[in-house]
Amino acid sequence: MKHAAAKKPEQAPRFWRDEALPFIEARAIADGREVCYSRHSHAHFSIGAITAGRSTYVHEHAQFEVAAGTVVLMNPGDVHACNPINDQPWSYLMLYVETPWLTDLQHQMGFGADLTFRRFSTTHLSDAQLFHDLQTFYSVLVDARQDVLRKHSAAVEFFSDLQLRLNPAQPALREPNCKLQRAAEYIREHCTELLSLEDICAAAQLSASYLIRAFKQHYGMTPHAFLVNQRIQFARERLRRGQLIADVALEAGFADQAHFQRAFKQHLAATPGQYRG
């Protein structure tokens, strides 16, 4: 007896939001045939990546065919739509960024004295590095294991790099190293606490945009990576004293023991248990 094939369930659009990062929202669509858009616009800035297949991209009065590997950008107010071609499967991910936040970031980077959004002239492009960076940033955002500082820093870093790549001509980095050293010292002194990007910026008297770029340039790692490294150094000392791994994970500022285990192994290529002996 033949049985009817089970109907494949529709994959609901996936949205990501975090109350701690209200300026950004993310969305992933696994099968773009399930969603169709009429021409529309919105007040925020959008950037997305076609992750598989092909689709039709309408931007203002132009129409393009875009394929996997393409990055698309929509300024606030731009009329656009992106839809399947002849019912062919395609998938994509999108980031929606509040315009005031991105405008402030542009201002921090030296784009004019007033808080006016600097529009991107690029509507879409095939740039392997940007495509990879966008996917990596999305993965950080939706990863429940990543803390708010990591996600906030990744947002500043990604959109600062995007600005420099597609909307250049901003002043060179000019802040003295003493402010960066102040930021590093603040992280060292408070590494076991729940730090925010705003905390570090306030201590160093630096903008988030400058801090992320210059700190990485000066120290070879982001402020978040520097913080995790300091926590691991703190943990090593406690483990050498024979303290319990669970206690050390909590004292060092990690959200849970599993997070501590992963970070420790990434830094020392050994588990806390192997290190403690």
C-alpha atoms as a PDB file:
ATOM      1  CA  MET A   1       0.000   0.000   0.000  1.00  0.00           C
ATOM      2  CA  LYS A   2       1.411   3.370  -0.981  1.00  0.00           C
ATOM      3  CA  HIS A   3       1.443   6.159   1.507  1.00  0.00           C
ATOM      4  CA  ALA A   4       1.197   9.793   0.539  1.00  0.00           C
ATOM      5  CA  ALA A   5       4.446  11.665   1.007  1.00  0.00           C
ATOM      6  CA  ALA A   6       4.435  13.879   4.027  1.00  0.00           C
ATOM      7  CA  LYS A   7       4.285  17.555   3.188  1.00  0.00           C
ATOM      8  CA  LYS A   8       7.495  19.314   4.051  1.00  0.00           C
ATOM      9  CA  PRO A   9       6.768  21.824   6.805  1.00  0.00           C
ATOM     10  CA  GLU A  10       7.352  25.470   5.977  1.00  0.00           C
ATOM     11  CA  GLN A  11      10.326  27.009   7.715  1.00  0.00           C
ATOM     12  CA  ALA A  12       9.174  30.096   9.557  1.00  0.00           C
ATOM     13  CA  PRO A  13      11.257  33.250   9.157  1.00  0.00           C
ATOM     14  CA  ARG A  14      13.788  33.465  11.952  1.00  0.00           C
ATOM     15  CA  PHE A  15      14.163  36.785  13.728  1.00  0.00           C
ATOM     16  CA  TRP A  16      16.805  37.679  16.291  1.00  0.00           C
ATOM     17  CA  ARG A  17      16.535  40.538  18.790  1.00  0.00           C
ATOM     18  CA  ASP A  18      18.198  41.386  22.086  1.00  0.00           C
ATOM     19  CA  GLU A  19      16.913  44.011  24.505  1.00  0.00           C
ATOM     20  CA  ALA A  20      20.528  44.830  25.394  1.00  0.00           C
ATOM     21  CA  LEU A  21      21.211  45.759  21.743  1.00  0.00           C
ATOM     22  CA  PRO A  22      18.006  47.532  20.682  1.00  0.00           C
ATOM     23  CA  PHE A  23      19.609  49.195  17.651  1.00  0.00           C
ATOM     24  CA  ILE A  24      19.897  46.019  15.574  1.00  0.00           C
ATOM     25  CA  GLU A  25      17.697  43.160  14.412  1.00  0.00           C
ATOM     26  CA  ALA A  26      18.614  40.124  12.328  1.00  0.00           C
ATOM     27  CA  ARG A  27      16.608  37.779  10.138  1.00  0.00           C
ATOM     28  CA  ALA A  28      17.356  34.594   8.206  1.00  0.00           C
ATOM     29  CA  ILE A  29      15.183  32.996   5.541  1.00  0.00           C
ATOM     30  CA  ALA A  30      15.972  29.365   4.681  1.00  0.00           C
ATOM     31  CA  ASP A  31      13.626  29.177   1.673  1.00  0.00           C
ATOM     32  CA  GLY A  32      12.983  32.500  -0.034  1.00  0.00           C
ATOM     33  CA  ARG A  33      10.160  31.018  -2.106  1.00  0.00           C
ATOM     34  CA  GLU A  34       7.981  31.169   1.003  1.00  0.00           C
ATOM     35  CA  VAL A  35       8.153  34.975   1.239  1.00  0.00           C
ATOM     36  CA  CYS A  36       7.386  37.603  -1.370  1.00  0.00           C
ATOM     37  CA  TYR A  37       7.650  41.358  -1.015  1.00  0.00           C
ATOM     38  CA  SER A  38       5.950  44.234  -2.732  1.00  0.00           C
ATOM     39  CA  ARG A  39       8.063  47.354  -3.234  1.00  0.00           C
ATOM     40  CA  HIS A  40       8.590  48.921   0.162  1.00  0.00           C
ATOM     41  CA  SER A  41      10.907  51.112   2.226  1.00  0.00           C
ATOM     42  CA  HIS A  42      11.704  51.604   5.889  1.00  0.00           C
ATOM     43  CA  ALA A  43      13.373  54.082   8.187  1.00  0.00           C
ATOM     44  CA  HIS A  44      16.343  51.889   9.110  1.00  0.00           C
ATOM     45  CA  PHE A  45      19.474  50.865   7.197  1.00  0.00           C
ATOM     46  CA  SER A  46      19.524  47.291   5.882  1.00  0.00           C
ATOM     47  CA  ILE A  47      22.284  45.011   4.653  1.00  0.00           C
ATOM     48  CA  GLY A  48      21.890  41.408   3.609  1.00  0.00           C
ATOM     49  CA  ALA A  49      23.619  38.458   1.989  1.00  0.00           C
ATOM     50  CA  ILE A  50      22.265  35.969  -0.536  1.00  0.00           C
ATOM     51  CA  THR A  51      23.432  32.659   0.946  1.00  0.00           C
ATOM     52  CA  ALA A  52      22.103  30.273  -1.724  1.00  0.00           C
ATOM     53  CA  GLY A  53      20.331  30.359  -5.084  1.00  0.00           C
ATOM     54  CA  ARG A  54      19.323  33.440  -7.073  1.00  0.00           C
ATOM     55  CA  SER A  55      16.668  36.128  -6.807  1.00  0.00           C
ATOM     56  CA  THR A  56      15.463  39.369  -8.345  1.00  0.00           C
ATOM     57  CA  TYR A  57      16.541  42.499  -6.497  1.00  0.00           C
ATOM     58  CA  VAL A  58      14.608  45.694  -7.152  1.00  0.00           C
ATOM     59  CA  HIS A  59      16.197  48.908  -5.911  1.00  0.00           C
ATOM     60  CA  GLU A  60      14.442  52.192  -6.658  1.00  0.00           C
ATOM     61  CA  HIS A  61      13.997  52.187 -10.487  1.00  0.00           C
ATOM     62  CA  ALA A  62      16.579  49.469 -11.231  1.00  0.00           C
ATOM     63  CA  GLN A  63      16.272  45.686 -11.235  1.00  0.00           C
ATOM     64  CA  PHE A  64      19.087  43.152 -10.878  1.00  0.00           C
ATOM     65  CA  GLU A  65      19.525  39.404 -10.665  1.00  0.00           C
ATOM     66  CA  VAL A  66      21.551  38.554  -7.577  1.00  0.00           C
ATOM     67  CA  ALA A  67      23.066  35.198  -6.632  1.00  0.00           C
ATOM     68  CA  ALA A  68      24.751  33.481  -3.704  1.00  0.00           C
ATOM     69  CA  GLY A  69      27.689  35.558  -2.502  1.00  0.00           C
ATOM     70  CA  THR A  70      26.041  38.908  -3.246  1.00  0.00           C
ATOM     71  CA  VAL A  71      25.685  41.556  -0.536  1.00  0.00           C
ATOM     72  CA  VAL A  72      22.784  44.009  -0.876  1.00  0.00           C
ATOM     73  CA  LEU A  73      22.428  47.383   0.861  1.00  0.00           C
ATOM     74  CA  MET A  74      19.394  49.616   1.384  1.00  0.00           C
ATOM     75  CA  ASN A  75      19.654  53.150   2.730  1.00  0.00           C
ATOM     76  CA  PRO A  76      16.819  54.471   4.888  1.00  0.00           C
ATOM     77  CA  GLY A  77      13.903  55.343   2.610  1.00  0.00           C
ATOM     78  CA  ASP A  78      15.160  53.380  -0.416  1.00  0.00           C
ATOM     79  CA  VAL A  79      12.311  51.592  -2.206  1.00  0.00           C
ATOM     80  CA  HIS A  80      13.260  47.957  -2.742  1.00  0.00           C
ATOM     81  CA  ALA A  81      12.097  44.345  -3.013  1.00  0.00           C
ATOM     82  CA  CYS A  82      13.760  40.946  -3.375  1.00  0.00           C
ATOM     83  CA  ASN A  83      11.818  37.955  -4.718  1.00  0.00           C
ATOM     84  CA  PRO A  84      12.352  34.460  -6.161  1.00  0.00           C
ATOM     85  CA  ILE A  85      12.954  33.737  -9.845  1.00  0.00           C
ATOM     86  CA  ASN A  86      10.512  31.220 -11.337  1.00  0.00           C
ATOM     87  CA  ASP A  87       9.977  29.577  -7.947  1.00  0.00           C
ATOM     88  CA  GLN A  88      13.684  28.699  -7.682  1.00  0.00           C
ATOM     89  CA  PRO A  89      14.916  28.129  -4.103  1.00  0.00           C
ATOM     90  CA  TRP A  90      17.098  30.791  -2.559  1.00  0.00           C
ATOM     91  CA  SER A  91      18.065  31.849   0.964  1.00  0.00           C
ATOM     92  CA  TYR A  92      19.383  34.964   2.616  1.00  0.00           C
ATOM     93  CA  LEU A  93      20.081  36.749   5.855  1.00  0.00           C
ATOM     94  CA  MET A  94      19.431  40.394   6.694  1.00  0.00           C
ATOM     95  CA  LEU A  95      20.506  42.928   9.299  1.00  0.00           C
ATOM     96  CA  TYR A  96      18.309  45.910  10.143  1.00  0.00           C
ATOM     97  CA  VAL A  97      20.103  48.773  11.888  1.00  0.00           C
ATOM     98  CA  GLU A  98      18.484  51.810  13.464  1.00  0.00           C
ATOM     99  CA  THR A  99      19.555  54.898  11.516  1.00  0.00           C
ATOM    100  CA  PRO A 100      20.375  57.077  14.582  1.00  0.00           C
ATOM    101  CA  TRP A 101      22.834  54.442  15.844  1.00  0.00           C
ATOM    102  CA  LEU A 102      24.599  54.126  12.483  1.00  0.00           C
ATOM    103  CA  THR A 103      24.578  57.906  12.020  1.00  0.00           C
ATOM    104  CA  ASP A 104      26.228  58.312  15.414  1.00  0.00           C
ATOM    105  CA  LEU A 105      28.869  55.743  14.460  1.00  0.00           C
ATOM    106  CA  GLN A 106      29.576  57.679  11.246  1.00  0.00           C
ATOM    107  CA  HIS A 107      29.868  60.852  13.320  1.00  0.00           C
ATOM    108  CA  GLN A 108      32.339  59.142  15.689  1.00  0.00           C
ATOM    109  CA  MET A 109      34.438  58.218  12.647  1.00  0.00           C
ATOM    110  CA  GLY A 110      34.659  61.846  11.533  1.00  0.00           C
ATOM    111  CA  PHE A 111      32.012  62.123   8.823  1.00  0.00           C
ATOM    112  CA  GLY A 112      30.954  65.732   9.207  1.00  0.00           C
ATOM    113  CA  ALA A 113      30.098  67.811  12.214  1.00  0.00           C
ATOM    114  CA  ASP A 114      26.339  67.300  12.044  1.00  0.00           C
ATOM    115  CA  LEU A 115      24.402  64.126  12.756  1.00  0.00           C
ATOM    116  CA  THR A 116      23.197  63.525   9.208  1.00  0.00           C
ATOM    117  CA  PHE A 117      23.230  59.984   7.840  1.00  0.00           C
ATOM    118  CA  ARG A 118      25.834  59.505   5.113  1.00  0.00           C
ATOM    119  CA  ARG A 119      24.152  57.406   2.435  1.00  0.00           C
ATOM    120  CA  PHE A 120      25.868  54.455   0.759  1.00  0.00           C
ATOM    121  CA  SER A 121      26.065  54.715  -3.017  1.00  0.00           C
ATOM    122  CA  THR A 122      26.536  50.955  -3.448  1.00  0.00           C
ATOM    123  CA  THR A 123      23.303  48.988  -3.818  1.00  0.00           C
ATOM    124  CA  HIS A 124      24.826  45.496  -4.211  1.00  0.00           C
ATOM    125  CA  LEU A 125      28.206  43.897  -4.782  1.00  0.00           C
ATOM    126  CA  SER A 126      30.000  40.572  -4.927  1.00  0.00           C
ATOM    127  CA  ASP A 127      32.798  40.946  -2.387  1.00  0.00           C
ATOM    128  CA  ALA A 128      34.006  37.662  -0.877  1.00  0.00           C
ATOM    129  CA  GLN A 129      35.508  39.290   2.207  1.00  0.00           C
ATOM    130  CA  LEU A 130      32.456  41.415   2.966  1.00  0.00           C
ATOM    131  CA  PHE A 131      30.176  38.419   2.382  1.00  0.00           C
ATOM    132  CA  HIS A 132      32.244  36.360   4.820  1.00  0.00           C
ATOM    133  CA  ASP A 133      32.389  39.162   7.394  1.00  0.00           C
ATOM    134  CA  LEU A 134      28.621  39.653   7.243  1.00  0.00           C
ATOM    135  CA  GLN A 135      27.952  35.947   7.786  1.00  0.00           C
ATOM    136  CA  THR A 136      30.455  35.846  10.640  1.00  0.00           C
ATOM    137  CA  PHE A 137      28.862  38.872  12.307  1.00  0.00           C
ATOM    138  CA  TYR A 138      25.409  37.339  11.948  1.00  0.00           C
ATOM    139  CA  SER A 139      26.672  34.129  13.576  1.00  0.00           C
ATOM    140  CA  VAL A 140      28.005  36.112  16.535  1.00  0.00           C
ATOM    141  CA  LEU A 141      24.706  37.967  16.971  1.00  0.00           C
ATOM    142  CA  VAL A 142      22.499  34.872  17.051  1.00  0.00           C
ATOM    143  CA  ASP A 143      24.897  32.785  19.173  1.00  0.00           C
ATOM    144  CA  ALA A 144      23.380  32.555  22.656  1.00  0.00           C
ATOM    145  CA  ARG A 145      26.807  31.665  24.058  1.00  0.00           C
ATOM    146  CA  GLN A 146      28.255  35.079  23.152  1.00  0.00           C
ATOM    147  CA  ASP A 147      27.914  37.884  25.691  1.00  0.00           C
ATOM    148  CA  VAL A 148      26.631  41.397  25.042  1.00  0.00           C
ATOM    149  CA  LEU A 149      30.086  42.994  24.963  1.00  0.00           C
ATOM    150  CA  ARG A 150      31.201  40.573  22.253  1.00  0.00           C
ATOM    151  CA  LYS A 151      28.085  41.255  20.166  1.00  0.00           C
ATOM    152  CA  HIS A 152      28.189  45.032  20.648  1.00  0.00           C
ATOM    153  CA  SER A 153      31.888  45.142  19.778  1.00  0.00           C
ATOM    154  CA  ALA A 154      31.287  42.990  16.706  1.00  0.00           C
ATOM    155  CA  ALA A 155      28.560  45.406  15.581  1.00  0.00           C
ATOM    156  CA  VAL A 156      30.823  48.432  15.912  1.00  0.00           C
ATOM    157  CA  GLU A 157      33.684  46.630  14.179  1.00  0.00           C
ATOM    158  CA  PHE A 158      31.572  45.353  11.287  1.00  0.00           C
ATOM    159  CA  PHE A 159      29.836  48.636  10.525  1.00  0.00           C
ATOM    160  CA  SER A 160      33.047  50.645  10.961  1.00  0.00           C
ATOM    161  CA  ASP A 161      34.763  48.352   8.460  1.00  0.00           C
ATOM    162  CA  LEU A 162      31.760  48.613   6.140  1.00  0.00           C
ATOM    163  CA  GLN A 163      31.994  52.398   6.292  1.00  0.00           C
ATOM    164  CA  LEU A 164      35.695  52.365   5.483  1.00  0.00           C
ATOM    165  CA  ARG A 165      35.227  49.843   2.670  1.00  0.00           C
ATOM    166  CA  LEU A 166      32.258  51.439   0.891  1.00  0.00           C
ATOM    167  CA  ASN A 167      31.993  54.994   2.224  1.00  0.00           C
ATOM    168  CA  PRO A 168      35.613  56.054   2.832  1.00  0.00           C
ATOM    169  CA  ALA A 169      37.492  59.314   3.355  1.00  0.00           C
ATOM    170  CA  GLN A 170      37.424  59.691   7.095  1.00  0.00           C
ATOM    171  CA  PRO A 171      40.239  61.156   9.235  1.00  0.00           C
ATOM    172  CA  ALA A 172      43.097  58.887  10.259  1.00  0.00           C
ATOM    173  CA  LEU A 173      43.362  57.541  13.799  1.00  0.00           C
ATOM    174  CA  ARG A 174      44.977  60.243  15.893  1.00  0.00           C
ATOM    175  CA  GLU A 175      44.193  59.576  19.566  1.00  0.00           C
ATOM    176  CA  PRO A 176      47.252  59.129  21.809  1.00  0.00           C
ATOM    177  CA  ASN A 177      48.147  55.640  22.992  1.00  0.00           C
ATOM    178  CA  CYS A 178      47.653  56.664  26.625  1.00  0.00           C
ATOM    179  CA  LYS A 179      43.895  56.450  26.140  1.00  0.00           C
ATOM    180  CA  LEU A 180      44.204  52.962  24.699  1.00  0.00           C
ATOM    181  CA  GLN A 181      46.422  52.003  27.610  1.00  0.00           C
ATOM    182  CA  ARG A 182      43.771  53.397  29.937  1.00  0.00           C
ATOM    183  CA  ALA A 183      41.193  51.163  28.251  1.00  0.00           C
ATOM    184  CA  ALA A 184      43.429  48.111  28.594  1.00  0.00           C
ATOM    185  CA  GLU A 185      44.134  48.877  32.242  1.00  0.00           C
ATOM    186  CA  TYR A 186      40.434  49.293  32.955  1.00  0.00           C
ATOM    187  CA  ILE A 187      39.744  45.882  31.403  1.00  0.00           C
ATOM    188  CA  ARG A 188      42.530  44.294  33.446  1.00  0.00           C
ATOM    189  CA  GLU A 189      41.240  45.789  36.692  1.00  0.00           C
ATOM    190  CA  HIS A 190      37.601  44.837  36.041  1.00  0.00           C
ATOM    191  CA  CYS A 191      38.025  41.662  33.969  1.00  0.00           C
ATOM    192  CA  THR A 192      35.893  39.497  36.273  1.00  0.00           C
ATOM    193  CA  GLU A 193      32.962  41.912  36.132  1.00  0.00           C
ATOM    194  CA  LEU A 194      30.157  42.172  33.573  1.00  0.00           C
ATOM    195  CA  LEU A 195      31.642  44.942  31.420  1.00  0.00           C
ATOM    196  CA  SER A 196      29.846  46.797  28.657  1.00  0.00           C
ATOM    197  CA  LEU A 197      31.380  48.603  25.707  1.00  0.00           C
ATOM    198  CA  GLU A 198      30.067  51.860  27.185  1.00  0.00           C
ATOM    199  CA  ASP A 199      31.973  51.163  30.436  1.00  0.00           C
ATOM    200  CA  ILE A 200      35.293  50.785  28.607  1.00  0.00           C
ATOM    201  CA  CYS A 201      34.687  53.813  26.377  1.00  0.00           C
ATOM    202  CA  ALA A 202      33.849  55.982  29.377  1.00  0.00           C
ATOM    203  CA  ALA A 203      36.960  54.901  31.260  1.00  0.00           C
ATOM    204  CA  ALA A 204      39.208  55.639  28.276  1.00  0.00           C
ATOM    205  CA  GLN A 205      37.248  58.696  27.072  1.00  0.00           C
ATOM    206  CA  LEU A 206      37.084  57.249  23.568  1.00  0.00           C
ATOM    207  CA  SER A 207      34.244  56.699  21.120  1.00  0.00           C
ATOM    208  CA  ALA A 208      33.204  53.104  20.458  1.00  0.00           C
ATOM    209  CA  SER A 209      34.196  53.361  16.812  1.00  0.00           C
ATOM    210  CA  TYR A 210      37.699  54.573  17.596  1.00  0.00           C
ATOM    211  CA  LEU A 211      38.198  52.176  20.503  1.00  0.00           C
ATOM    212  CA  ILE A 212      37.345  49.079  18.472  1.00  0.00           C
ATOM    213  CA  ARG A 213      39.578  49.979  15.532  1.00  0.00           C
ATOM    214  CA  ALA A 214      42.533  51.477  17.392  1.00  0.00           C
ATOM    215  CA  PHE A 215      42.595  48.925  20.215  1.00  0.00           C
ATOM    216  CA  LYS A 216      42.803  46.064  17.740  1.00  0.00           C
ATOM    217  CA  GLN A 217      45.474  47.917  15.771  1.00  0.00           C
ATOM    218  CA  HIS A 218      47.508  48.594  18.912  1.00  0.00           C
ATOM    219  CA  TYR A 219      47.071  45.334  20.856  1.00  0.00           C
ATOM    220  CA  GLY A 220      46.349  42.872  18.066  1.00  0.00           C
ATOM    221  CA  MET A 221      42.954  41.920  19.505  1.00  0.00           C
ATOM    222  CA  THR A 222      39.572  43.486  20.156  1.00  0.00           C
ATOM    223  CA  PRO A 223      38.644  44.762  23.625  1.00  0.00           C
ATOM    224  CA  HIS A 224      36.408  41.713  24.063  1.00  0.00           C
ATOM    225  CA  ALA A 225      39.183  39.290  23.120  1.00  0.00           C
ATOM    226  CA  PHE A 226      41.487  41.179  25.490  1.00  0.00           C
ATOM    227  CA  LEU A 227      38.885  40.791  28.263  1.00  0.00           C
ATOM    228  CA  VAL A 228      38.516  37.038  27.697  1.00  0.00           C
ATOM    229  CA  ASN A 229      42.297  36.670  27.701  1.00  0.00           C
ATOM    230  CA  GLN A 230      42.514  38.486  31.038  1.00  0.00           C
ATOM    231  CA  ARG A 231      39.820  36.225  32.461  1.00  0.00           C
ATOM    232  CA  ILE A 232      41.762  33.161  31.352  1.00  0.00           C
ATOM    233  CA  GLN A 233      44.917  34.485  33.046  1.00  0.00           C
ATOM    234  CA  PHE A 234      42.879  35.077  36.199  1.00  0.00           C
ATOM    235  CA  ALA A 235      41.515  31.524  35.961  1.00  0.00           C
ATOM    236  CA  ARG A 236      44.954  29.953  35.471  1.00  0.00           C
ATOM    237  CA  GLU A 237      46.172  31.461  38.706  1.00  0.00           C
ATOM    238  CA  ARG A 238      43.131  30.171  40.604  1.00  0.00           C
ATOM    239  CA  LEU A 239      43.413  26.698  39.071  1.00  0.00           C
ATOM    240  CA  ARG A 240      47.080  26.471  40.079  1.00  0.00           C
ATOM    241  CA  ARG A 241      45.934  27.059  43.647  1.00  0.00           C
ATOM    242  CA  GLY A 242      43.721  24.003  43.343  1.00  0.00           C
ATOM    243  CA  GLN A 243      40.347  25.732  43.306  1.00  0.00           C
ATOM    244  CA  LEU A 244      37.343  23.901  41.872  1.00  0.00           C
ATOM    245  CA  ILE A 245      36.726  24.480  38.158  1.00  0.00           C
ATOM    246  CA  ALA A 246      33.099  25.496  38.685  1.00  0.00           C
ATOM    247  CA  ASP A 247      34.120  28.083  41.277  1.00  0.00           C
ATOM    248  CA  VAL A 248      36.878  29.452  39.067  1.00  0.00           C
ATOM    249  CA  ALA A 249      34.513  29.795  36.105  1.00  0.00           C
ATOM    250  CA  LEU A 250      32.147  31.888  38.215  1.00  0.00           C
ATOM    251  CA  GLU A 251      34.882  33.997  39.807  1.00  0.00           C
ATOM    252  CA  ALA A 252      36.514  34.693  36.440  1.00  0.00           C
ATOM    253  CA  GLY A 253      33.306  36.200  35.093  1.00  0.00           C
ATOM    254  CA  PHE A 254      32.153  33.507  32.672  1.00  0.00           C
ATOM    255  CA  ALA A 255      28.420  32.984  32.193  1.00  0.00           C
ATOM    256  CA  ASP A 256      28.703  29.260  32.905  1.00  0.00           C
ATOM    257  CA  GLN A 257      31.198  26.429  33.150  1.00  0.00           C
ATOM    258  CA  ALA A 258      30.668  25.310  29.542  1.00  0.00           C
ATOM    259  CA  HIS A 259      31.570  28.780  28.266  1.00  0.00           C
ATOM    260  CA  PHE A 260      34.648  28.774  30.483  1.00  0.00           C
ATOM    261  CA  GLN A 261      35.705  25.335  29.213  1.00  0.00           C
ATOM    262  CA  ARG A 262      35.482  26.430  25.570  1.00  0.00           C
ATOM    263  CA  ALA A 263      37.371  29.688  26.091  1.00  0.00           C
ATOM    264  CA  PHE A 264      40.076  28.027  28.189  1.00  0.00           C
ATOM    265  CA  LYS A 265      40.706  25.318  25.599  1.00  0.00           C
ATOM    266  CA  GLN A 266      40.857  27.897  22.798  1.00  0.00           C
ATOM    267  CA  HIS A 267      43.557  29.795  24.687  1.00  0.00           C
ATOM    268  CA  LEU A 268      45.638  26.945  26.093  1.00  0.00           C
ATOM    269  CA  ALA A 269      44.757  23.945  23.874  1.00  0.00           C
ATOM    270  CA  ALA A 270      43.922  22.081  27.083  1.00  0.00           C
ATOM    271  CA  THR A 271      40.870  21.807  29.313  1.00  0.00           C
ATOM    272  CA  PRO A 272      40.790  23.427  32.773  1.00  0.00           C
ATOM    273  CA  GLY A 273      40.876  19.912  34.249  1.00  0.00           C
ATOM    274  CA  GLN A 274      44.008  18.997  32.284  1.00  0.00           C
ATOM    275  CA  TYR A 275      45.653  22.252  33.329  1.00  0.00           C
ATOM    276  CA  ARG A 276      44.692  21.889  36.985  1.00  0.00           C
ATOM    277  CA  GLY A 277      46.032  18.343  37.071  1.00  0.00           C
END
